[in-house]
């Protein structure tokens, strides 16, 4: 029986940092999906299959706090870690 790697949704507007985080978390056993904005993150979350979310606090447009508020309104939403 093969276990599926947990899927982490990383929401951050910094593509260079996203590549670095993805590399590290992939080595730690996660499948990483990157969204470049709060809106994109919410769209990806709606598609399903996300086990945990790492969310940047400071983003243009829909910032991390606003994105978090919307995520918390979703029944059964995965756990979220808010980063700086």
N, C-alpha and C. Protein backbone atom coordinates (compact mmCIF):
# COMPACT_ATOMS: atom_id res chain seq x y z
N UNK A 1 0.84 -1.18 0.00
CA UNK A 1 0.00 0.00 0.00
C UNK A 1 0.89 1.24 0.00
N UNK A 2 0.65 2.13 -0.94
CA UNK A 2 1.43 3.36 -1.05
C UNK A 2 0.62 4.51 -0.48
N UNK A 3 1.23 5.25 0.43
CA UNK A 3 0.56 6.42 1.01
C UNK A 3 0.78 7.64 0.12
N UNK A 4 -0.24 8.46 0.02
CA UNK A 4 -0.17 9.69 -0.75
C UNK A 4 0.52 10.76 0.09
N UNK A 5 1.41 11.51 -0.53
CA UNK A 5 2.05 12.63 0.15
C UNK A 5 1.00 13.69 0.45
N UNK A 6 1.03 14.30 1.64
CA UNK A 6 0.08 15.37 1.92
C UNK A 6 0.33 16.55 0.98
N UNK A 7 -0.74 17.17 0.54
CA UNK A 7 -0.64 18.29 -0.39
C UNK A 7 -0.76 19.60 0.37
N UNK A 8 0.26 20.44 0.22
CA UNK A 8 0.31 21.75 0.86
C UNK A 8 0.08 22.82 -0.19
N UNK A 9 -0.86 23.70 0.06
CA UNK A 9 -1.11 24.85 -0.80
C UNK A 9 -0.32 26.02 -0.23
N UNK A 10 0.66 26.52 -0.99
CA UNK A 10 1.50 27.63 -0.57
C UNK A 10 1.02 28.88 -1.31
N UNK A 11 0.49 29.85 -0.57
CA UNK A 11 -0.05 31.07 -1.17
C UNK A 11 0.91 32.22 -0.85
N UNK A 12 1.58 32.73 -1.87
CA UNK A 12 2.57 33.80 -1.69
C UNK A 12 2.80 34.47 -3.04
N UNK A 13 2.94 35.78 -3.03
CA UNK A 13 3.14 36.53 -4.27
C UNK A 13 4.60 36.58 -4.72
N UNK A 14 5.52 36.00 -3.96
CA UNK A 14 6.95 36.01 -4.29
C UNK A 14 7.34 34.68 -4.95
N UNK A 15 7.51 34.67 -6.29
CA UNK A 15 7.79 33.41 -6.98
C UNK A 15 9.14 32.79 -6.60
N UNK A 16 10.15 33.62 -6.32
CA UNK A 16 11.46 33.08 -5.94
C UNK A 16 11.37 32.36 -4.59
N UNK A 17 10.70 32.97 -3.63
CA UNK A 17 10.51 32.35 -2.34
C UNK A 17 9.66 31.09 -2.47
N UNK A 18 8.67 31.13 -3.33
CA UNK A 18 7.81 29.95 -3.54
C UNK A 18 8.63 28.77 -4.05
N UNK A 19 9.57 29.01 -4.96
CA UNK A 19 10.42 27.92 -5.47
C UNK A 19 11.27 27.34 -4.35
N UNK A 20 11.82 28.21 -3.50
CA UNK A 20 12.64 27.76 -2.38
C UNK A 20 11.82 26.94 -1.39
N UNK A 21 10.65 27.43 -1.05
CA UNK A 21 9.76 26.72 -0.12
C UNK A 21 9.34 25.38 -0.72
N UNK A 22 8.98 25.39 -1.98
CA UNK A 22 8.55 24.15 -2.63
C UNK A 22 9.67 23.11 -2.60
N UNK A 23 10.88 23.51 -2.88
CA UNK A 23 12.01 22.58 -2.87
C UNK A 23 12.18 21.95 -1.48
N UNK A 24 12.16 22.80 -0.44
CA UNK A 24 12.33 22.30 0.92
C UNK A 24 11.20 21.40 1.38
N UNK A 25 9.97 21.81 1.10
CA UNK A 25 8.82 21.02 1.54
C UNK A 25 8.67 19.72 0.75
N UNK A 26 9.08 19.73 -0.50
CA UNK A 26 9.06 18.50 -1.29
C UNK A 26 10.03 17.49 -0.69
N UNK A 27 11.20 17.97 -0.29
CA UNK A 27 12.18 17.09 0.37
C UNK A 27 11.63 16.55 1.69
N UNK A 28 10.77 17.33 2.34
CA UNK A 28 10.17 16.91 3.61
C UNK A 28 8.97 15.98 3.41
N UNK A 29 8.63 15.69 2.16
CA UNK A 29 7.58 14.72 1.89
C UNK A 29 6.23 15.28 1.49
N UNK A 30 6.15 16.58 1.23
CA UNK A 30 4.90 17.20 0.81
C UNK A 30 4.83 17.31 -0.71
N UNK A 31 3.63 17.25 -1.24
CA UNK A 31 3.36 17.69 -2.60
C UNK A 31 2.94 19.15 -2.46
N UNK A 32 3.60 20.04 -3.18
CA UNK A 32 3.37 21.48 -3.00
C UNK A 32 2.71 22.06 -4.23
N UNK A 33 1.64 22.84 -3.99
CA UNK A 33 0.94 23.58 -5.03
C UNK A 33 1.10 25.05 -4.67
N UNK A 34 1.53 25.87 -5.65
CA UNK A 34 1.73 27.30 -5.39
C UNK A 34 0.62 28.12 -6.03
N UNK A 35 0.13 29.09 -5.27
CA UNK A 35 -0.80 30.09 -5.80
C UNK A 35 -0.17 31.46 -5.54
N UNK A 36 -0.17 32.32 -6.55
CA UNK A 36 0.51 33.60 -6.47
C UNK A 36 -0.28 34.73 -5.86
N UNK A 37 -1.50 34.46 -5.42
CA UNK A 37 -2.31 35.51 -4.79
C UNK A 37 -3.38 34.85 -3.92
N UNK A 38 -3.99 35.65 -3.07
CA UNK A 38 -5.07 35.13 -2.24
C UNK A 38 -6.22 34.61 -3.08
N UNK A 39 -6.57 35.34 -4.12
CA UNK A 39 -7.68 34.92 -5.00
C UNK A 39 -7.36 33.59 -5.68
N UNK A 40 -6.13 33.46 -6.20
CA UNK A 40 -5.74 32.21 -6.85
C UNK A 40 -5.74 31.06 -5.84
N UNK A 41 -5.31 31.35 -4.62
CA UNK A 41 -5.31 30.33 -3.59
C UNK A 41 -6.70 29.83 -3.27
N UNK A 42 -7.65 30.75 -3.16
CA UNK A 42 -9.03 30.36 -2.89
C UNK A 42 -9.62 29.53 -4.03
N UNK A 43 -9.28 29.91 -5.27
CA UNK A 43 -9.74 29.15 -6.43
C UNK A 43 -9.18 27.73 -6.40
N UNK A 44 -7.88 27.61 -6.08
CA UNK A 44 -7.26 26.29 -6.04
C UNK A 44 -7.82 25.45 -4.89
N UNK A 45 -8.05 26.08 -3.75
CA UNK A 45 -8.63 25.38 -2.61
C UNK A 45 -9.99 24.80 -2.96
N UNK A 46 -10.77 25.54 -3.73
CA UNK A 46 -12.11 25.09 -4.12
C UNK A 46 -12.07 23.83 -4.98
N UNK A 47 -10.94 23.58 -5.63
CA UNK A 47 -10.81 22.38 -6.47
C UNK A 47 -10.63 21.11 -5.63
N UNK A 48 -10.28 21.27 -4.36
CA UNK A 48 -10.14 20.11 -3.47
C UNK A 48 -8.74 19.52 -3.47
N UNK A 49 -8.55 18.54 -2.58
CA UNK A 49 -7.29 17.82 -2.53
C UNK A 49 -6.18 18.50 -1.74
N UNK A 50 -6.50 19.55 -0.99
CA UNK A 50 -5.50 20.26 -0.20
C UNK A 50 -5.59 19.80 1.25
N UNK A 51 -4.44 19.43 1.83
CA UNK A 51 -4.40 18.95 3.21
C UNK A 51 -4.02 20.02 4.21
N UNK A 52 -3.21 20.98 3.80
CA UNK A 52 -2.73 22.04 4.69
C UNK A 52 -2.36 23.26 3.83
N UNK A 53 -2.43 24.45 4.44
CA UNK A 53 -2.16 25.69 3.72
C UNK A 53 -1.11 26.49 4.47
N UNK A 54 -0.13 27.02 3.73
CA UNK A 54 0.81 28.02 4.25
C UNK A 54 0.50 29.30 3.49
N UNK A 55 0.28 30.36 4.22
CA UNK A 55 -0.26 31.60 3.65
C UNK A 55 0.57 32.80 4.05
N UNK A 56 1.06 33.55 3.07
CA UNK A 56 1.81 34.77 3.33
C UNK A 56 0.86 35.85 3.83
N UNK A 57 1.28 36.57 4.85
CA UNK A 57 0.43 37.61 5.42
C UNK A 57 0.39 38.87 4.55
N UNK A 58 1.52 39.22 3.95
CA UNK A 58 1.63 40.49 3.21
C UNK A 58 1.65 40.24 1.71
N UNK A 59 0.51 40.49 1.07
CA UNK A 59 0.38 40.35 -0.38
C UNK A 59 -0.47 41.51 -0.88
N UNK A 60 -0.22 41.96 -2.11
CA UNK A 60 -1.08 43.00 -2.68
C UNK A 60 -2.47 42.42 -2.99
N UNK A 61 -3.44 43.29 -3.06
CA UNK A 61 -4.80 42.83 -3.33
C UNK A 61 -5.38 42.16 -2.10
N UNK A 62 -5.84 40.94 -2.26
CA UNK A 62 -6.40 40.17 -1.15
C UNK A 62 -5.23 39.69 -0.29
N UNK A 63 -5.01 40.36 0.85
CA UNK A 63 -3.85 40.02 1.67
C UNK A 63 -4.10 38.73 2.47
N UNK A 64 -3.10 38.33 3.24
CA UNK A 64 -3.17 37.06 3.96
C UNK A 64 -4.28 37.02 4.99
N UNK A 65 -4.50 38.11 5.69
CA UNK A 65 -5.54 38.14 6.72
C UNK A 65 -6.93 37.99 6.08
N UNK A 66 -7.16 38.72 5.00
CA UNK A 66 -8.44 38.62 4.30
C UNK A 66 -8.64 37.22 3.70
N UNK A 67 -7.56 36.67 3.16
CA UNK A 67 -7.63 35.32 2.61
C UNK A 67 -7.94 34.31 3.71
N UNK A 68 -7.27 34.45 4.85
CA UNK A 68 -7.51 33.57 5.99
C UNK A 68 -8.97 33.64 6.44
N UNK A 69 -9.51 34.85 6.52
CA UNK A 69 -10.91 35.00 6.93
C UNK A 69 -11.85 34.24 5.98
N UNK A 70 -11.55 34.29 4.70
CA UNK A 70 -12.39 33.57 3.72
C UNK A 70 -12.21 32.06 3.84
N UNK A 71 -10.98 31.62 4.07
CA UNK A 71 -10.73 30.19 4.23
C UNK A 71 -11.48 29.65 5.44
N UNK A 72 -11.46 30.41 6.54
CA UNK A 72 -12.11 29.95 7.76
C UNK A 72 -13.63 29.87 7.64
N UNK A 73 -14.20 30.48 6.62
CA UNK A 73 -15.64 30.39 6.38
C UNK A 73 -16.01 29.12 5.62
N UNK A 74 -15.01 28.40 5.11
CA UNK A 74 -15.26 27.19 4.33
C UNK A 74 -15.40 26.02 5.29
N UNK A 75 -16.54 25.33 5.28
CA UNK A 75 -16.70 24.16 6.16
C UNK A 75 -15.65 23.10 5.85
N UNK A 76 -15.00 22.60 6.88
CA UNK A 76 -14.00 21.55 6.71
C UNK A 76 -12.70 22.02 6.08
N UNK A 77 -12.42 23.32 6.13
CA UNK A 77 -11.19 23.84 5.53
C UNK A 77 -9.97 23.23 6.21
N UNK A 78 -8.90 23.04 5.44
CA UNK A 78 -7.68 22.47 6.04
C UNK A 78 -7.02 23.47 6.99
N UNK A 79 -6.11 22.98 7.85
CA UNK A 79 -5.40 23.89 8.74
C UNK A 79 -4.54 24.88 7.95
N UNK A 80 -4.36 26.07 8.54
CA UNK A 80 -3.61 27.14 7.87
C UNK A 80 -2.50 27.64 8.79
N UNK A 81 -1.33 27.85 8.19
CA UNK A 81 -0.23 28.51 8.88
C UNK A 81 -0.01 29.85 8.18
N UNK A 82 -0.13 30.93 8.94
CA UNK A 82 0.05 32.28 8.40
C UNK A 82 1.50 32.67 8.61
N UNK A 83 2.21 33.06 7.53
CA UNK A 83 3.62 33.40 7.61
C UNK A 83 3.82 34.88 7.32
N UNK A 84 4.98 35.35 7.64
CA UNK A 84 5.35 36.75 7.33
C UNK A 84 6.35 36.81 6.23
